[in-house]
Amino acid sequence: MKKTPEPRLCVAVLGAGSWGTALAAAASRRHATLLWARDAAQAADMAATHENARYLPGIPLPQALNISSDLDATLRSLQDDGAQRLIVLGVPVAGLTAICGELSRRLPALGLQDTPIVWTCKGFEADTARLPHEIMREALPGATGGALSGPSFAREVAQGLPVALTVASDSPSLRAATTAAFHGAALRVYASTDLVGVEVGGALKNVIAVACGICDGLALGTNARAALITRGLAEMTRFGVALGAQAETFAGLTGLGDLVLTATGELSRNRRVGLEIGAGRKLTDILASGITAEGVRCARAALERARAIRVELPITEAVCAVLFDGVAPMTAVSALLARDARYESGAGLPEDPPDGRSP
């Protein structure tokens, strides 16, 4: 039986950091793909060497991957009659508003306003506590959007090692285009309609990973780390459901999967920050050394959003106390351990607390 050929797909990846580059490399192995770098010198170097020496040193990029610092030219590469189109935003949450502003001005002029847009950033916006889809909704009203997330270190994806991701959107066409762009070989893409759940999982797991790093830096043991991961998952789920997410999402790739990876993986920058804090280094010195971590950027915003809807996030609160309020790591741990006993799950349980004291 003759195999049906794949439909033609043109992919534009905006943002040449580690994750944008890794995804562009994956897409370019089967589809026409152009990677946009804001830095002209970086783009020229990558085009000449087929390596992202700044973010993914030592990993060769496919020869088929095209690289440019011209945003208009990158978007025009999508003007292929008869081909599907996909824009991938490989920028951090802090850069999402700016890049959406660029697209709002350029896409209509190029006749590309209906192009589906998928973003990869994880976190809450620091100043507004908005999730990425809320930023997109305001900056690009009417756009077809979704999130691509899951347990993934960019370096391993760029090396072609196995990985599973989730694309979340209420748009079947966006889910189909994203799956067509990336699903194949060692990269699997699963679909979801729970955009809020996928985004909350991606944001909170970074904060919990900082906590696990602090725990390991204090040499509190693997029992303590397992407890933090488990209670962190409960914290993520409680917050997500309060924001409208589906509880089962947090048992999947973008909840438990991403949390375990980021809280335990050696390539995790969020865990690394926690390790350094636990070892006694100051946050300002850690960040000055070049380590960047979304968990640090979004922890306060997540806590503020949770307090506004009266959701308790004790681990996130402890992390914020250590990072921003000068609380010693062991003092924060002691405060967590001193919390009243409680039932692990609230469903169908008696109202009295298990230790007999008032709640």
Protein backbone atom coordinates (compact mmCIF):
# COMPACT_ATOMS: atom_id res chain seq x y z
CA MET A 1 0.00 0.00 0.00
CA LYS A 2 1.41 3.36 -1.02
CA LYS A 3 2.11 5.71 1.88
CA THR A 4 0.26 9.05 1.76
CA PRO A 5 2.82 11.88 1.60
CA GLU A 6 2.88 14.38 4.45
CA PRO A 7 1.31 17.78 3.67
CA ARG A 8 3.81 20.57 3.09
CA LEU A 9 4.47 22.61 6.19
CA CYS A 10 6.42 25.84 6.61
CA VAL A 11 7.68 26.58 10.13
CA ALA A 12 9.06 29.86 11.48
CA VAL A 13 10.70 29.67 14.91
CA LEU A 14 11.17 33.05 16.57
CA GLY A 15 13.89 33.04 19.20
CA ALA A 16 17.31 31.39 18.90
CA GLY A 17 17.90 30.48 22.52
CA SER A 18 18.51 26.86 23.43
CA TRP A 19 14.88 25.72 23.20
CA GLY A 20 13.97 27.64 20.05
CA THR A 21 17.09 26.32 18.34
CA ALA A 22 16.42 22.72 19.43
CA LEU A 23 12.84 22.82 18.13
CA ALA A 24 13.88 24.47 14.88
CA ALA A 25 16.47 21.74 14.37
CA ALA A 26 13.84 19.05 14.97
CA ALA A 27 11.33 20.63 12.56
CA SER A 28 13.93 21.23 9.84
CA ARG A 29 14.64 17.52 9.49
CA ARG A 30 11.28 17.13 7.70
CA HIS A 31 9.91 20.59 6.93
CA ALA A 32 10.98 23.94 5.52
CA THR A 33 12.07 25.78 8.68
CA LEU A 34 13.51 29.22 9.31
CA LEU A 35 14.93 30.22 12.70
CA TRP A 36 14.94 33.91 13.60
CA ALA A 37 17.59 35.33 15.94
CA ARG A 38 17.26 38.90 17.18
CA ASP A 39 21.06 39.26 17.32
CA ALA A 40 22.40 39.68 13.76
CA ALA A 41 25.91 38.58 14.73
CA GLN A 42 24.58 35.43 16.35
CA ALA A 43 22.44 34.63 13.31
CA ALA A 44 25.39 35.10 10.96
CA ASP A 45 27.62 32.89 13.09
CA MET A 46 24.98 30.16 13.31
CA ALA A 47 24.34 30.27 9.56
CA ALA A 48 28.08 29.96 8.86
CA THR A 49 28.90 27.23 11.40
CA HIS A 50 25.55 25.42 11.81
CA GLU A 51 26.04 25.53 15.54
CA ASN A 52 24.52 27.67 18.27
CA ALA A 53 27.78 28.24 20.11
CA ARG A 54 26.13 30.55 22.64
CA TYR A 55 23.37 28.24 23.88
CA LEU A 56 24.05 24.73 22.51
CA PRO A 57 27.82 24.51 22.02
CA GLY A 58 29.15 21.40 20.37
CA ILE A 59 25.85 20.26 18.83
CA PRO A 60 25.72 20.40 15.02
CA LEU A 61 22.52 21.79 13.50
CA PRO A 62 20.92 20.30 10.36
CA GLN A 63 22.16 21.77 7.11
CA ALA A 64 18.53 22.20 6.04
CA LEU A 65 17.86 24.70 8.85
CA ASN A 66 17.81 28.28 7.59
CA ILE A 67 18.72 31.09 10.01
CA SER A 68 18.04 34.83 9.74
CA SER A 69 17.99 38.02 11.81
CA ASP A 70 15.43 39.62 9.45
CA LEU A 71 12.00 39.16 11.04
CA ASP A 72 10.06 40.21 7.93
CA ALA A 73 12.02 37.78 5.77
CA THR A 74 11.44 35.03 8.29
CA LEU A 75 7.69 35.60 8.23
CA ARG A 76 7.63 35.88 4.43
CA SER A 77 9.07 32.37 4.31
CA LEU A 78 5.61 31.23 5.38
CA GLN A 79 3.99 32.66 2.22
CA ASP A 80 3.98 29.34 0.38
CA ASP A 81 0.69 28.77 -1.41
CA GLY A 82 -0.81 25.42 -0.54
CA ALA A 83 1.41 24.78 2.48
CA GLN A 84 0.38 24.63 6.11
CA ARG A 85 2.00 27.29 8.31
CA LEU A 86 3.13 27.42 11.91
CA ILE A 87 4.82 30.10 14.01
CA VAL A 88 6.70 28.90 17.09
CA LEU A 89 7.56 31.47 19.76
CA GLY A 90 10.75 30.34 21.47
CA VAL A 91 11.06 33.39 23.71
CA PRO A 92 10.78 33.57 27.53
CA VAL A 93 7.65 34.91 29.22
CA ALA A 94 9.42 38.24 29.73
CA GLY A 95 9.77 38.63 25.96
CA LEU A 96 6.30 37.45 24.95
CA THR A 97 4.56 40.84 24.96
CA ALA A 98 7.25 42.39 22.77
CA ILE A 99 7.28 39.65 20.14
CA CYS A 100 3.47 39.59 20.03
CA GLY A 101 3.54 43.33 19.38
CA GLU A 102 5.85 42.74 16.42
CA LEU A 103 3.53 40.08 15.05
CA SER A 104 0.41 42.19 15.48
CA ARG A 105 1.98 44.81 13.20
CA ARG A 106 3.50 42.46 10.63
CA LEU A 107 1.19 39.47 10.14
CA PRO A 108 -1.82 41.35 8.65
CA ALA A 109 0.40 43.21 6.20
CA LEU A 110 1.82 39.88 5.01
CA GLY A 111 -1.57 38.17 4.82
CA LEU A 112 -0.53 35.79 7.61
CA GLN A 113 -2.96 36.83 10.33
CA ASP A 114 -4.57 33.37 10.37
CA THR A 115 -1.29 31.52 10.95
CA PRO A 116 -1.45 29.38 14.10
CA ILE A 117 1.00 30.40 16.83
CA VAL A 118 2.40 28.05 19.46
CA TRP A 119 4.54 29.25 22.37
CA THR A 120 7.06 27.34 24.50
CA CYS A 121 7.61 29.70 27.45
CA LYS A 122 6.74 28.63 30.99
CA GLY A 123 5.87 30.90 33.88
CA PHE A 124 3.79 33.83 35.09
CA GLU A 125 4.63 37.31 33.83
CA ALA A 126 6.53 39.03 36.66
CA ASP A 127 4.69 42.38 36.64
CA THR A 128 1.15 41.21 35.89
CA ALA A 129 1.03 37.55 37.06
CA ARG A 130 -0.51 36.63 33.70
CA LEU A 131 -0.06 33.24 32.08
CA PRO A 132 1.23 33.15 28.47
CA HIS A 133 -2.20 32.58 26.93
CA GLU A 134 -3.52 35.66 28.76
CA ILE A 135 -0.67 37.74 27.35
CA MET A 136 -1.37 36.39 23.87
CA ARG A 137 -5.11 37.01 24.11
CA GLU A 138 -4.51 40.70 24.84
CA ALA A 139 -1.63 41.28 22.44
CA LEU A 140 -3.00 39.24 19.51
CA PRO A 141 -6.80 39.11 19.91
CA GLY A 142 -8.37 36.54 17.65
CA ALA A 143 -5.14 34.66 16.98
CA THR A 144 -5.16 30.87 16.99
CA GLY A 145 -2.77 29.93 19.78
CA GLY A 146 -1.54 27.14 21.99
CA ALA A 147 1.29 25.97 24.25
CA LEU A 148 3.96 23.35 23.58
CA SER A 149 5.31 22.03 26.86
CA GLY A 150 6.55 18.96 28.68
CA PRO A 151 9.58 17.38 30.35
CA SER A 152 12.39 18.43 28.04
CA PHE A 153 15.93 19.73 28.26
CA ALA A 154 16.78 21.57 25.06
CA ARG A 155 20.25 20.05 24.79
CA GLU A 156 18.89 16.50 24.72
CA VAL A 157 16.25 17.44 22.13
CA ALA A 158 18.93 19.03 19.92
CA GLN A 159 20.95 15.82 20.22
CA GLY A 160 17.98 13.80 18.96
CA LEU A 161 17.42 11.92 22.21
CA PRO A 162 13.88 10.65 23.00
CA VAL A 163 11.38 13.16 24.39
CA ALA A 164 7.60 13.48 24.76
CA LEU A 165 5.80 16.83 24.65
CA THR A 166 2.21 18.06 24.87
CA VAL A 167 0.55 20.64 22.66
CA ALA A 168 -2.41 22.29 24.35
CA SER A 169 -5.04 24.32 22.51
CA ASP A 170 -8.77 24.38 21.84
CA SER A 171 -7.92 24.63 18.13
CA PRO A 172 -7.76 21.28 16.28
CA SER A 173 -5.86 22.93 13.41
CA LEU A 174 -3.14 24.24 15.73
CA ARG A 175 -2.79 20.89 17.45
CA ALA A 176 -2.55 19.20 14.05
CA ALA A 177 0.04 21.65 12.70
CA THR A 178 2.21 21.40 15.81
CA THR A 179 2.04 17.62 15.78
CA ALA A 180 2.94 17.57 12.08
CA ALA A 181 5.89 19.87 12.71
CA PHE A 182 7.51 17.92 15.52
CA HIS A 183 6.08 14.42 15.95
CA GLY A 184 8.38 11.77 14.55
CA ALA A 185 11.56 9.80 15.15
CA ALA A 186 12.59 10.30 18.80
CA LEU A 187 10.14 13.16 19.46
CA ARG A 188 6.54 12.36 20.38
CA VAL A 189 3.76 14.95 20.63
CA TYR A 190 0.56 14.37 22.59
CA ALA A 191 -2.49 16.63 22.38
CA SER A 192 -4.54 18.33 25.08
CA THR A 193 -7.32 20.91 25.27
CA ASP A 194 -6.36 21.97 28.82
CA LEU A 195 -4.28 25.06 28.08
CA VAL A 196 -4.53 26.44 31.62
CA GLY A 197 -3.44 23.16 33.19
CA VAL A 198 -0.46 22.78 30.88
CA GLU A 199 0.67 26.35 31.56
CA VAL A 200 0.24 26.18 35.34
CA GLY A 201 2.20 22.92 35.45
CA GLY A 202 4.99 24.45 33.40
CA ALA A 203 5.15 27.49 35.66
CA LEU A 204 4.89 25.95 39.13
CA LYS A 205 7.25 23.03 38.48
CA ASN A 206 10.11 25.54 38.18
CA VAL A 207 9.37 26.96 41.61
CA ILE A 208 9.11 23.50 43.16
CA ALA A 209 12.41 22.57 41.47
CA VAL A 210 14.10 25.49 43.23
CA ALA A 211 12.72 24.13 46.50
CA CYS A 212 14.07 20.65 45.71
CA GLY A 213 17.45 22.13 44.88
CA ILE A 214 17.52 23.93 48.23
CA CYS A 215 16.60 20.65 49.92
CA ASP A 216 19.46 18.82 48.19
CA GLY A 217 21.86 21.70 48.86
CA LEU A 218 21.07 21.38 52.57
CA ALA A 219 21.68 17.61 52.35
CA LEU A 220 18.23 16.82 53.77
CA GLY A 221 18.06 13.50 51.96
CA THR A 222 16.06 11.78 49.25
CA ASN A 223 13.05 11.24 51.52
CA ALA A 224 12.69 15.00 51.83
CA ARG A 225 13.05 15.49 48.09
CA ALA A 226 10.33 12.89 47.39
CA ALA A 227 8.02 14.64 49.85
CA LEU A 228 8.64 18.01 48.20
CA ILE A 229 7.94 16.63 44.72
CA THR A 230 4.74 14.94 45.89
CA ARG A 231 3.41 17.88 47.88
CA GLY A 232 4.57 20.21 45.12
CA LEU A 233 2.42 18.27 42.68
CA ALA A 234 -0.54 18.70 45.04
CA GLU A 235 0.20 22.43 45.20
CA MET A 236 0.33 22.71 41.40
CA THR A 237 -2.91 20.77 41.03
CA ARG A 238 -4.77 22.81 43.67
CA PHE A 239 -3.71 26.08 42.04
CA GLY A 240 -4.43 24.91 38.51
CA VAL A 241 -7.91 23.62 39.31
CA ALA A 242 -8.73 26.93 40.99
CA LEU A 243 -7.78 28.67 37.73
CA GLY A 244 -9.98 26.35 35.67
CA ALA A 245 -7.61 23.50 34.80
CA GLN A 246 -8.43 19.79 34.75
CA ALA A 247 -6.94 17.88 37.69
CA GLU A 248 -5.87 14.92 35.53
CA THR A 249 -3.56 17.15 33.48
CA PHE A 250 -1.19 17.35 36.44
CA ALA A 251 -0.66 13.59 36.40
CA GLY A 252 0.67 13.86 32.84
CA LEU A 253 3.72 15.06 30.96
CA THR A 254 3.30 18.75 31.73
CA GLY A 255 2.60 18.16 35.42
CA LEU A 256 4.29 15.21 37.10
CA GLY A 257 6.61 14.55 34.15
CA ASP A 258 8.00 18.05 33.91
CA LEU A 259 8.18 18.39 37.70
CA VAL A 260 10.26 15.22 38.15
CA LEU A 261 12.64 16.21 35.36
CA THR A 262 13.19 19.77 36.58
CA ALA A 263 13.41 18.84 40.26
CA THR A 264 15.96 16.05 39.76
CA GLY A 265 17.74 16.56 36.42
CA GLU A 266 21.37 17.65 36.34
CA LEU A 267 20.65 20.05 33.45
CA SER A 268 17.95 21.90 35.42
CA ARG A 269 18.82 25.55 35.98
CA ASN A 270 16.05 25.93 38.56
CA ARG A 271 17.40 23.04 40.59
CA ARG A 272 20.91 24.49 40.23
CA VAL A 273 19.79 27.81 41.73
CA GLY A 274 18.28 25.93 44.67
CA LEU A 275 21.44 23.90 45.16
CA GLU A 276 23.52 27.08 45.29
CA ILE A 277 21.10 28.70 47.75
CA GLY A 278 21.19 25.61 49.95
CA ALA A 279 24.98 25.69 49.89
CA GLY A 280 24.93 29.23 51.27
CA ARG A 281 25.36 31.45 48.22
CA LYS A 282 23.33 34.65 47.81
CA LEU A 283 20.77 34.87 45.01
CA THR A 284 22.34 38.05 43.60
CA ASP A 285 25.70 36.29 43.27
CA ILE A 286 24.11 33.24 41.66
CA LEU A 287 22.26 35.30 39.06
CA ALA A 288 25.35 37.44 38.42
CA SER A 289 27.26 34.27 37.50
CA GLY A 290 25.00 33.84 34.47
CA ILE A 291 22.49 31.27 35.72
CA THR A 292 18.93 32.15 34.69
CA ALA A 293 15.88 30.31 36.00
CA GLU A 294 12.20 30.93 35.31
CA GLY A 295 11.32 29.72 38.80
CA VAL A 296 13.07 32.76 40.26
CA ARG A 297 11.43 35.11 37.78
CA CYS A 298 7.86 33.94 38.34
CA ALA A 299 7.73 32.76 41.98
CA ARG A 300 6.43 36.03 43.42
CA ALA A 301 3.93 36.51 40.61
CA ALA A 302 2.57 32.99 41.12
CA LEU A 303 2.22 33.58 44.86
CA GLU A 304 0.43 36.90 44.31
CA ARG A 305 -1.98 35.30 41.84
CA ALA A 306 -2.69 32.45 44.26
CA ARG A 307 -3.30 34.81 47.17
CA ALA A 308 -5.72 36.83 45.04
CA ILE A 309 -7.91 33.74 44.61
CA ARG A 310 -7.23 32.47 48.16
CA VAL A 311 -5.28 29.36 47.22
CA GLU A 312 -2.58 28.22 49.62
CA LEU A 313 0.87 27.52 48.12
CA PRO A 314 3.11 26.75 51.12
CA ILE A 315 6.14 25.54 49.15
CA THR A 316 6.02 28.52 46.79
CA GLU A 317 5.65 30.81 49.79
CA ALA A 318 8.70 29.25 51.42
CA VAL A 319 10.74 29.63 48.23
CA CYS A 320 9.78 33.31 47.97
CA ALA A 321 10.73 33.85 51.62
CA VAL A 322 14.21 32.44 50.97
CA LEU A 323 14.79 34.12 47.61
CA PHE A 324 13.43 37.57 48.32
CA ASP A 325 12.84 38.11 52.05
CA GLY A 326 16.16 37.05 53.50
CA VAL A 327 14.77 34.02 55.35
CA ALA A 328 17.44 31.37 55.96
CA PRO A 329 16.78 28.12 54.03
CA MET A 330 16.64 25.97 57.19
CA THR A 331 14.23 28.42 58.80
CA ALA A 332 11.90 28.07 55.79
CA VAL A 333 12.19 24.28 55.95
CA SER A 334 11.39 24.34 59.67
CA ALA A 335 8.29 26.44 58.97
CA LEU A 336 7.08 23.89 56.42
CA LEU A 337 7.69 21.02 58.86
CA ALA A 338 5.83 22.87 61.62
CA ARG A 339 2.59 23.11 59.63
CA ASP A 340 -0.41 21.38 61.21
CA ALA A 341 -1.13 17.77 60.34
CA ARG A 342 -3.80 17.36 57.68
CA TYR A 343 -5.40 14.81 55.39
CA GLU A 344 -3.49 14.17 52.18
CA SER A 345 -6.65 14.53 50.07
CA GLY A 346 -9.78 16.48 50.91
CA ALA A 347 -12.33 14.41 49.00
CA GLY A 348 -14.93 12.71 51.22
CA LEU A 349 -12.96 13.15 54.45
CA PRO A 350 -14.36 14.20 57.85
CA GLU A 351 -14.19 17.85 58.75
CA ASP A 352 -12.08 17.40 61.91
CA PRO A 353 -8.30 17.58 61.37
CA PRO A 354 -6.40 14.29 61.97
CA ASP A 355 -4.56 15.59 65.04
CA GLY A 356 -7.76 16.73 66.76
CA ARG A 357 -6.77 20.41 66.80
CA SER A 358 -8.70 23.26 65.24
CA PRO A 359 -7.83 23.84 61.57
